[in-house]
Amino acid sequence: MASDNEPRRAAAVCRNCGTAHAVRVGPDGEIRPIGTGHGTECTCGDGDLRAISDDAAVLEDANASDL
């Protein structure tokens, strides 16, 4: 289990273009897309990302599915 000082993984959506990203959310709340090479910005150049779920919620949803 990660400590409170480590970034956590989440899914996020750009409020500008609607693109979904895998992100890391730092302990200070900063959202950074993973693997885009754009720092804290979406590939469209906008930095307004909104986290939509974290890794724990995704794992809980997957375990609860009847698939």
PDB file of N, CA and C in Angstrom:
ATOM      1  N   MET A   1       0.844  -1.184   0.000  1.00  0.00           N
ATOM      2  CA  MET A   1       0.000   0.000   0.000  1.00  0.00           C
ATOM      3  C   MET A   1       0.884   1.241   0.000  1.00  0.00           C
ATOM      4  N   ALA A   2       0.550   2.236  -0.798  1.00  0.00           N
ATOM      5  CA  ALA A   2       1.336   3.457  -0.904  1.00  0.00           C
ATOM      6  C   ALA A   2       1.104   4.345   0.308  1.00  0.00           C
ATOM      7  N   SER A   3       2.150   5.082   0.693  1.00  0.00           N
ATOM      8  CA  SER A   3       1.999   6.025   1.798  1.00  0.00           C
ATOM      9  C   SER A   3       1.319   7.291   1.294  1.00  0.00           C
ATOM     10  N   ASP A   4       0.932   8.140   2.253  1.00  0.00           N
ATOM     11  CA  ASP A   4       0.250   9.388   1.899  1.00  0.00           C
ATOM     12  C   ASP A   4       1.156  10.365   1.167  1.00  0.00           C
ATOM     13  N   ASN A   5       2.480  10.144   1.211  1.00  0.00           N
ATOM     14  CA  ASN A   5       3.419  11.046   0.558  1.00  0.00           C
ATOM     15  C   ASN A   5       3.751  10.633  -0.866  1.00  0.00           C
ATOM     16  N   GLU A   6       3.250   9.489  -1.313  1.00  0.00           N
ATOM     17  CA  GLU A   6       3.540   9.000  -2.658  1.00  0.00           C
ATOM     18  C   GLU A   6       2.406   9.348  -3.610  1.00  0.00           C
ATOM     19  N   PRO A   7       2.737   9.588  -4.878  1.00  0.00           N
ATOM     20  CA  PRO A   7       1.669   9.835  -5.858  1.00  0.00           C
ATOM     21  C   PRO A   7       0.780   8.603  -6.010  1.00  0.00           C
ATOM     22  N   ARG A   8      -0.489   8.815  -6.306  1.00  0.00           N
ATOM     23  CA  ARG A   8      -1.382   7.694  -6.576  1.00  0.00           C
ATOM     24  C   ARG A   8      -1.818   7.789  -8.033  1.00  0.00           C
ATOM     25  N   ARG A   9      -2.192   6.669  -8.597  1.00  0.00           N
ATOM     26  CA  ARG A   9      -2.646   6.648  -9.982  1.00  0.00           C
ATOM     27  C   ARG A   9      -4.143   6.879 -10.026  1.00  0.00           C
ATOM     28  N   ALA A  10      -4.590   7.491 -11.115  1.00  0.00           N
ATOM     29  CA  ALA A  10      -6.009   7.769 -11.296  1.00  0.00           C
ATOM     30  C   ALA A  10      -6.293   7.930 -12.783  1.00  0.00           C
ATOM     31  N   ALA A  11      -7.553   8.054 -13.106  1.00  0.00           N
ATOM     32  CA  ALA A  11      -7.971   8.421 -14.461  1.00  0.00           C
ATOM     33  C   ALA A  11      -8.439   9.870 -14.383  1.00  0.00           C
ATOM     34  N   ALA A  12      -8.184  10.619 -15.437  1.00  0.00           N
ATOM     35  CA  ALA A  12      -8.588  12.027 -15.473  1.00  0.00           C
ATOM     36  C   ALA A  12      -9.048  12.386 -16.878  1.00  0.00           C
ATOM     37  N   VAL A  13      -9.853  13.431 -16.958  1.00  0.00           N
ATOM     38  CA  VAL A  13     -10.351  13.930 -18.236  1.00  0.00           C
ATOM     39  C   VAL A  13      -9.978  15.401 -18.351  1.00  0.00           C
ATOM     40  N   CYS A  14      -9.549  15.800 -19.541  1.00  0.00           N
ATOM     41  CA  CYS A  14      -9.251  17.201 -19.820  1.00  0.00           C
ATOM     42  C   CYS A  14     -10.573  17.951 -19.961  1.00  0.00           C
ATOM     43  N   ARG A  15     -10.736  19.011 -19.211  1.00  0.00           N
ATOM     44  CA  ARG A  15     -11.974  19.808 -19.289  1.00  0.00           C
ATOM     45  C   ARG A  15     -12.064  20.573 -20.603  1.00  0.00           C
ATOM     46  N   ASN A  16     -10.943  20.762 -21.294  1.00  0.00           N
ATOM     47  CA  ASN A  16     -10.925  21.506 -22.550  1.00  0.00           C
ATOM     48  C   ASN A  16     -11.336  20.628 -23.738  1.00  0.00           C
ATOM     49  N   CYS A  17     -10.682  19.468 -23.895  1.00  0.00           N
ATOM     50  CA  CYS A  17     -10.923  18.663 -25.100  1.00  0.00           C
ATOM     51  C   CYS A  17     -11.629  17.334 -24.824  1.00  0.00           C
ATOM     52  N   GLY A  18     -11.747  16.947 -23.546  1.00  0.00           N
ATOM     53  CA  GLY A  18     -12.438  15.707 -23.202  1.00  0.00           C
ATOM     54  C   GLY A  18     -11.600  14.450 -23.296  1.00  0.00           C
ATOM     55  N   THR A  19     -10.304  14.580 -23.568  1.00  0.00           N
ATOM     56  CA  THR A  19      -9.428  13.422 -23.672  1.00  0.00           C
ATOM     57  C   THR A  19      -9.210  12.803 -22.299  1.00  0.00           C
ATOM     58  N   ALA A  20      -9.283  11.476 -22.231  1.00  0.00           N
ATOM     59  CA  ALA A  20      -9.023  10.759 -20.983  1.00  0.00           C
ATOM     60  C   ALA A  20      -7.538  10.441 -20.880  1.00  0.00           C
ATOM     61  N   HIS A  21      -7.012  10.491 -19.670  1.00  0.00           N
ATOM     62  CA  HIS A  21      -5.593  10.231 -19.421  1.00  0.00           C
ATOM     63  C   HIS A  21      -5.421   9.375 -18.184  1.00  0.00           C
ATOM     64  N   ALA A  22      -4.397   8.534 -18.184  1.00  0.00           N
ATOM     65  CA  ALA A  22      -3.906   7.934 -16.951  1.00  0.00           C
ATOM     66  C   ALA A  22      -3.020   9.003 -16.324  1.00  0.00           C
ATOM     67  N   VAL A  23      -3.194   9.239 -15.025  1.00  0.00           N
ATOM     68  CA  VAL A  23      -2.461  10.311 -14.357  1.00  0.00           C
ATOM     69  C   VAL A  23      -1.906   9.836 -13.027  1.00  0.00           C
ATOM     70  N   ARG A  24      -0.979  10.621 -12.514  1.00  0.00           N
ATOM     71  CA  ARG A  24      -0.517  10.480 -11.135  1.00  0.00           C
ATOM     72  C   ARG A  24      -0.979  11.736 -10.405  1.00  0.00           C
ATOM     73  N   VAL A  25      -1.529  11.527  -9.217  1.00  0.00           N
ATOM     74  CA  VAL A  25      -1.968  12.643  -8.383  1.00  0.00           C
ATOM     75  C   VAL A  25      -1.024  12.694  -7.197  1.00  0.00           C
ATOM     76  N   GLY A  26      -0.296  13.807  -7.072  1.00  0.00           N
ATOM     77  CA  GLY A  26       0.670  13.961  -5.994  1.00  0.00           C
ATOM     78  C   GLY A  26      -0.006  14.236  -4.666  1.00  0.00           C
ATOM     79  N   PRO A  27       0.749  14.149  -3.581  1.00  0.00           N
ATOM     80  CA  PRO A  27       0.197  14.398  -2.256  1.00  0.00           C
ATOM     81  C   PRO A  27      -0.359  15.813  -2.118  1.00  0.00           C
ATOM     82  N   ASP A  28       0.126  16.733  -2.968  1.00  0.00           N
ATOM     83  CA  ASP A  28      -0.373  18.113  -2.947  1.00  0.00           C
ATOM     84  C   ASP A  28      -1.582  18.307  -3.863  1.00  0.00           C
ATOM     85  N   GLY A  29      -2.042  17.212  -4.532  1.00  0.00           N
ATOM     86  CA  GLY A  29      -3.201  17.291  -5.414  1.00  0.00           C
ATOM     87  C   GLY A  29      -2.873  17.590  -6.861  1.00  0.00           C
ATOM     88  N   GLU A  30      -1.581  17.822  -7.167  1.00  0.00           N
ATOM     89  CA  GLU A  30      -1.191  18.102  -8.557  1.00  0.00           C
ATOM     90  C   GLU A  30      -1.428  16.872  -9.415  1.00  0.00           C
ATOM     91  N   ILE A  31      -2.081  17.066 -10.557  1.00  0.00           N
ATOM     92  CA  ILE A  31      -2.386  15.988 -11.494  1.00  0.00           C
ATOM     93  C   ILE A  31      -1.404  16.059 -12.652  1.00  0.00           C
ATOM     94  N   ARG A  32      -0.692  14.934 -12.894  1.00  0.00           N
ATOM     95  CA  ARG A  32       0.288  14.872 -13.976  1.00  0.00           C
ATOM     96  C   ARG A  32      -0.023  13.684 -14.872  1.00  0.00           C
ATOM     97  N   PRO A  33      -0.324  13.928 -16.148  1.00  0.00           N
ATOM     98  CA  PRO A  33      -0.557  12.822 -17.077  1.00  0.00           C
ATOM     99  C   PRO A  33       0.670  11.919 -17.155  1.00  0.00           C
ATOM    100  N   ILE A  34       0.444  10.627 -17.308  1.00  0.00           N
ATOM    101  CA  ILE A  34       1.522   9.651 -17.405  1.00  0.00           C
ATOM    102  C   ILE A  34       1.860   9.429 -18.877  1.00  0.00           C
ATOM    103  N   GLY A  35       3.128   9.602 -19.212  1.00  0.00           N
ATOM    104  CA  GLY A  35       3.626   9.247 -20.532  1.00  0.00           C
ATOM    105  C   GLY A  35       3.300  10.181 -21.682  1.00  0.00           C
ATOM    106  N   THR A  36       2.860  11.407 -21.402  1.00  0.00           N
ATOM    107  CA  THR A  36       2.546  12.316 -22.502  1.00  0.00           C
ATOM    108  C   THR A  36       3.713  13.218 -22.866  1.00  0.00           C
ATOM    109  N   GLY A  37       4.644  13.416 -21.928  1.00  0.00           N
ATOM    110  CA  GLY A  37       5.753  14.330 -22.173  1.00  0.00           C
ATOM    111  C   GLY A  37       5.334  15.789 -22.104  1.00  0.00           C
ATOM    112  N   HIS A  38       4.146  16.065 -21.568  1.00  0.00           N
ATOM    113  CA  HIS A  38       3.635  17.428 -21.499  1.00  0.00           C
ATOM    114  C   HIS A  38       3.549  17.968 -20.070  1.00  0.00           C
ATOM    115  N   GLY A  39       4.243  17.363 -19.127  1.00  0.00           N
ATOM    116  CA  GLY A  39       4.217  17.834 -17.745  1.00  0.00           C
ATOM    117  C   GLY A  39       2.832  17.716 -17.150  1.00  0.00           C
ATOM    118  N   THR A  40       2.272  18.829 -16.708  1.00  0.00           N
ATOM    119  CA  THR A  40       0.951  18.824 -16.073  1.00  0.00           C
ATOM    120  C   THR A  40      -0.167  19.114 -17.068  1.00  0.00           C
ATOM    121  N   GLU A  41       0.162  19.203 -18.348  1.00  0.00           N
ATOM    122  CA  GLU A  41      -0.843  19.566 -19.351  1.00  0.00           C
ATOM    123  C   GLU A  41      -1.314  18.364 -20.159  1.00  0.00           C
ATOM    124  N   CYS A  42      -2.511  18.498 -20.697  1.00  0.00           N
ATOM    125  CA  CYS A  42      -3.051  17.551 -21.672  1.00  0.00           C
ATOM    126  C   CYS A  42      -2.271  17.722 -22.973  1.00  0.00           C
ATOM    127  N   THR A  43      -2.378  16.766 -23.853  1.00  0.00           N
ATOM    128  CA  THR A  43      -1.712  16.872 -25.156  1.00  0.00           C
ATOM    129  C   THR A  43      -2.274  18.023 -25.987  1.00  0.00           C
ATOM    130  N   CYS A  44      -3.472  18.536 -25.636  1.00  0.00           N
ATOM    131  CA  CYS A  44      -4.040  19.684 -26.352  1.00  0.00           C
ATOM    132  C   CYS A  44      -3.426  20.999 -25.879  1.00  0.00           C
ATOM    133  N   GLY A  45      -2.604  20.952 -24.808  1.00  0.00           N
ATOM    134  CA  GLY A  45      -1.954  22.148 -24.299  1.00  0.00           C
ATOM    135  C   GLY A  45      -2.660  22.768 -23.109  1.00  0.00           C
ATOM    136  N   ASP A  46      -3.817  22.255 -22.735  1.00  0.00           N
ATOM    137  CA  ASP A  46      -4.563  22.775 -21.595  1.00  0.00           C
ATOM    138  C   ASP A  46      -4.159  22.011 -20.347  1.00  0.00           C
ATOM    139  N   GLY A  47      -4.114  22.659 -19.224  1.00  0.00           N
ATOM    140  CA  GLY A  47      -3.723  22.010 -17.979  1.00  0.00           C
ATOM    141  C   GLY A  47      -4.874  21.743 -17.039  1.00  0.00           C
ATOM    142  N   ASP A  48      -6.114  21.893 -17.511  1.00  0.00           N
ATOM    143  CA  ASP A  48      -7.267  21.735 -16.632  1.00  0.00           C
ATOM    144  C   ASP A  48      -7.773  20.297 -16.670  1.00  0.00           C
ATOM    145  N   LEU A  49      -7.119  19.420 -15.889  1.00  0.00           N
ATOM    146  CA  LEU A  49      -7.489  18.011 -15.831  1.00  0.00           C
ATOM    147  C   LEU A  49      -8.320  17.762 -14.570  1.00  0.00           C
ATOM    148  N   ARG A  50      -9.319  16.913 -14.706  1.00  0.00           N
ATOM    149  CA  ARG A  50     -10.197  16.566 -13.579  1.00  0.00           C
ATOM    150  C   ARG A  50     -10.100  15.067 -13.349  1.00  0.00           C
ATOM    151  N   ALA A  51      -9.671  14.685 -12.142  1.00  0.00           N
ATOM    152  CA  ALA A  51      -9.587  13.266 -11.798  1.00  0.00           C
ATOM    153  C   ALA A  51     -10.996  12.693 -11.730  1.00  0.00           C
ATOM    154  N   ILE A  52     -11.193  11.517 -12.347  1.00  0.00           N
ATOM    155  CA  ILE A  52     -12.526  10.906 -12.343  1.00  0.00           C
ATOM    156  C   ILE A  52     -12.584   9.626 -11.532  1.00  0.00           C
ATOM    157  N   SER A  53     -11.432   8.995 -11.258  1.00  0.00           N
ATOM    158  CA  SER A  53     -11.398   7.828 -10.392  1.00  0.00           C
ATOM    159  C   SER A  53      -9.957   7.580  -9.986  1.00  0.00           C
ATOM    160  N   ASP A  54      -9.784   6.874  -8.872  1.00  0.00           N
ATOM    161  CA  ASP A  54      -8.425   6.508  -8.493  1.00  0.00           C
ATOM    162  C   ASP A  54      -8.252   5.008  -8.646  1.00  0.00           C
ATOM    163  N   ASP A  55      -7.045   4.548  -8.498  1.00  0.00           N
ATOM    164  CA  ASP A  55      -6.771   3.136  -8.747  1.00  0.00           C
ATOM    165  C   ASP A  55      -7.562   2.218  -7.827  1.00  0.00           C
ATOM    166  N   ALA A  56      -7.794   2.599  -6.591  1.00  0.00           N
ATOM    167  CA  ALA A  56      -8.560   1.756  -5.674  1.00  0.00           C
ATOM    168  C   ALA A  56      -9.994   1.600  -6.152  1.00  0.00           C
ATOM    169  N   ALA A  57     -10.614   2.682  -6.627  1.00  0.00           N
ATOM    170  CA  ALA A  57     -11.989   2.613  -7.106  1.00  0.00           C
ATOM    171  C   ALA A  57     -12.084   1.741  -8.351  1.00  0.00           C
ATOM    172  N   VAL A  58     -11.126   1.842  -9.242  1.00  0.00           N
ATOM    173  CA  VAL A  58     -11.132   1.027 -10.461  1.00  0.00           C
ATOM    174  C   VAL A  58     -11.004  -0.446 -10.099  1.00  0.00           C
ATOM    175  N   LEU A  59     -10.100  -0.774  -9.179  1.00  0.00           N
ATOM    176  CA  LEU A  59      -9.922  -2.163  -8.778  1.00  0.00           C
ATOM    177  C   LEU A  59     -11.166  -2.704  -8.088  1.00  0.00           C
ATOM    178  N   GLU A  60     -11.817  -1.891  -7.242  1.00  0.00           N
ATOM    179  CA  GLU A  60     -13.044  -2.328  -6.580  1.00  0.00           C
ATOM    180  C   GLU A  60     -14.142  -2.589  -7.603  1.00  0.00           C
ATOM    181  N   ASP A  61     -14.271  -1.706  -8.597  1.00  0.00           N
ATOM    182  CA  ASP A  61     -15.284  -1.899  -9.650  1.00  0.00           C
ATOM    183  C   ASP A  61     -15.006  -3.175 -10.424  1.00  0.00           C
ATOM    184  N   ALA A  62     -13.748  -3.446 -10.750  1.00  0.00           N
ATOM    185  CA  ALA A  62     -13.416  -4.648 -11.519  1.00  0.00           C
ATOM    186  C   ALA A  62     -13.725  -5.900 -10.713  1.00  0.00           C
ATOM    187  N   ASN A  63     -13.459  -5.889  -9.427  1.00  0.00           N
ATOM    188  CA  ASN A  63     -13.718  -7.047  -8.588  1.00  0.00           C
ATOM    189  C   ASN A  63     -15.214  -7.271  -8.374  1.00  0.00           C
ATOM    190  N   ALA A  64     -16.015  -6.215  -8.466  1.00  0.00           N
ATOM    191  CA  ALA A  64     -17.452  -6.317  -8.235  1.00  0.00           C
ATOM    192  C   ALA A  64     -18.224  -6.700  -9.489  1.00  0.00           C
ATOM    193  N   SER A  65     -17.570  -6.653 -10.657  1.00  0.00           N
ATOM    194  CA  SER A  65     -18.293  -6.935 -11.903  1.00  0.00           C
ATOM    195  C   SER A  65     -18.610  -8.421 -12.024  1.00  0.00           C
ATOM    196  N   ASP A  66     -19.635  -8.700 -12.778  1.00  0.00           N
ATOM    197  CA  ASP A  66     -20.058 -10.092 -13.006  1.00  0.00           C
ATOM    198  C   ASP A  66     -19.505 -10.645 -14.317  1.00  0.00           C
ATOM    199  N   LEU A  67     -18.505  -9.983 -14.895  1.00  0.00           N
ATOM    200  CA  LEU A  67     -17.947 -10.426 -16.184  1.00  0.00           C
ATOM    201  C   LEU A  67     -17.209 -11.706 -16.057  1.00  0.00           C
TER     202      LEU A  67
END
